[in-house]
Amino acid sequence: MKLNFARPLAGLMLGLGVALAAAAQPVDGEVMRIDQEAGKVTLKHGEIKNLDIPAMQMAFRVANPSWLKTLQVHDKVRFSADKVGGQFTITAIEVRK
């Protein structure tokens, strides 16, 4: 009987990825630039602890490009980011009132 460990291992890795994504802490920021074509937003933000990134201004990909249609330059936002496919990516974002 041949055992296939690939499937259980894939499930374990997926579960680990979800657990790590859940560890992302929301961060406050301000929208500085929106690039619809590239699917990116530039944010001036506080420290992003789960990515070990200090407070700065930088561009991020967005997990859902339709989010860019709801943002305007100088909006105050709260967001979560993670490394997805080797790129820093916004995984959740909301405009702060």
Protein backbone atom coordinates (compact mmCIF):
# COMPACT_ATOMS: atom_id res chain seq x y z
CA MET A 1 0.00 0.00 0.00
CA LYS A 2 1.46 3.35 -1.07
CA LEU A 3 0.90 6.27 1.31
CA ASN A 4 0.37 9.74 -0.11
CA PHE A 5 1.52 12.41 2.33
CA ALA A 6 1.21 15.27 -0.18
CA ARG A 7 -2.50 15.88 0.43
CA PRO A 8 -2.32 16.04 4.28
CA LEU A 9 0.83 18.15 4.03
CA ALA A 10 -0.90 20.58 1.64
CA GLY A 11 -3.79 20.89 4.08
CA LEU A 12 -1.38 21.55 6.93
CA MET A 13 0.43 24.24 4.92
CA LEU A 14 -2.88 25.91 3.98
CA GLY A 15 -3.93 25.89 7.62
CA LEU A 16 -0.59 27.37 8.64
CA GLY A 17 -0.98 30.11 6.02
CA VAL A 18 -4.43 30.99 7.33
CA ALA A 19 -3.10 31.06 10.90
CA LEU A 20 -0.25 33.37 9.92
CA ALA A 21 -2.59 35.68 7.99
CA ALA A 22 -4.83 35.85 11.05
CA ALA A 23 -1.86 37.16 13.06
CA ALA A 24 -1.77 40.36 10.96
CA GLN A 25 -2.58 43.35 13.16
CA PRO A 26 -4.63 46.22 11.71
CA VAL A 27 -2.55 49.34 11.02
CA ASP A 28 -3.62 52.96 10.57
CA GLY A 29 -2.58 54.77 7.42
CA GLU A 30 -3.34 57.51 4.91
CA VAL A 31 -3.87 57.04 1.18
CA MET A 32 -1.21 58.98 -0.73
CA ARG A 33 -1.65 57.57 -4.27
CA ILE A 34 -3.97 55.16 -6.10
CA ASP A 35 -2.79 53.28 -9.21
CA GLN A 36 -5.83 51.49 -10.65
CA GLU A 37 -3.91 50.03 -13.61
CA ALA A 38 -1.21 48.43 -11.44
CA GLY A 39 -3.69 47.40 -8.72
CA LYS A 40 -1.68 49.26 -6.09
CA VAL A 41 -2.20 51.87 -3.41
CA THR A 42 0.53 53.95 -1.74
CA LEU A 43 -0.02 54.41 1.98
CA LYS A 44 1.72 56.46 4.64
CA HIS A 45 1.43 54.03 7.55
CA GLY A 46 2.46 53.08 11.04
CA GLU A 47 4.60 50.06 11.93
CA ILE A 48 3.44 46.76 10.40
CA LYS A 49 4.63 44.31 13.05
CA ASN A 50 3.73 41.05 11.30
CA LEU A 51 5.89 42.07 8.31
CA ASP A 52 8.61 43.74 10.40
CA ILE A 53 8.16 47.02 8.47
CA PRO A 54 8.72 50.34 10.26
CA ALA A 55 6.42 53.33 9.81
CA MET A 56 6.93 54.76 6.32
CA GLN A 57 5.27 55.45 2.99
CA MET A 58 5.11 52.56 0.51
CA ALA A 59 3.06 51.01 -2.27
CA PHE A 60 1.10 47.80 -1.75
CA ARG A 61 -0.77 45.47 -4.08
CA VAL A 62 -4.38 44.97 -3.06
CA ALA A 63 -5.98 41.54 -2.74
CA ASN A 64 -9.16 42.92 -4.34
CA PRO A 65 -8.60 45.62 -7.01
CA SER A 66 -12.23 46.82 -6.65
CA TRP A 67 -11.22 48.26 -3.25
CA LEU A 68 -9.26 50.95 -5.11
CA LYS A 69 -12.52 52.36 -6.52
CA THR A 70 -13.75 53.17 -3.00
CA LEU A 71 -10.58 55.00 -1.90
CA GLN A 72 -9.58 58.63 -2.36
CA VAL A 73 -6.22 60.32 -1.81
CA HIS A 74 -5.92 61.53 1.82
CA ASP A 75 -8.50 59.02 3.13
CA LYS A 76 -7.57 57.79 6.60
CA VAL A 77 -7.67 53.99 6.55
CA ARG A 78 -7.18 50.97 8.77
CA PHE A 79 -5.69 47.99 6.95
CA SER A 80 -4.04 44.61 7.30
CA ALA A 81 -1.19 43.49 5.08
CA ASP A 82 0.67 40.27 4.44
CA LYS A 83 3.18 38.87 1.98
CA VAL A 84 1.23 37.14 -0.80
CA GLY A 85 3.04 35.60 -3.75
CA GLY A 86 6.22 37.35 -2.65
CA GLN A 87 4.62 40.83 -2.68
CA PHE A 88 3.38 43.01 0.15
CA THR A 89 -0.39 42.94 -0.22
CA ILE A 90 -3.30 44.67 1.51
CA THR A 91 -5.58 41.85 2.67
CA ALA A 92 -8.23 44.07 4.28
CA ILE A 93 -8.87 47.81 4.25
CA GLU A 94 -11.53 50.19 5.55
CA VAL A 95 -11.89 53.96 5.41
CA ARG A 96 -11.89 55.53 8.89
CA LYS A 97 -14.47 58.18 9.67
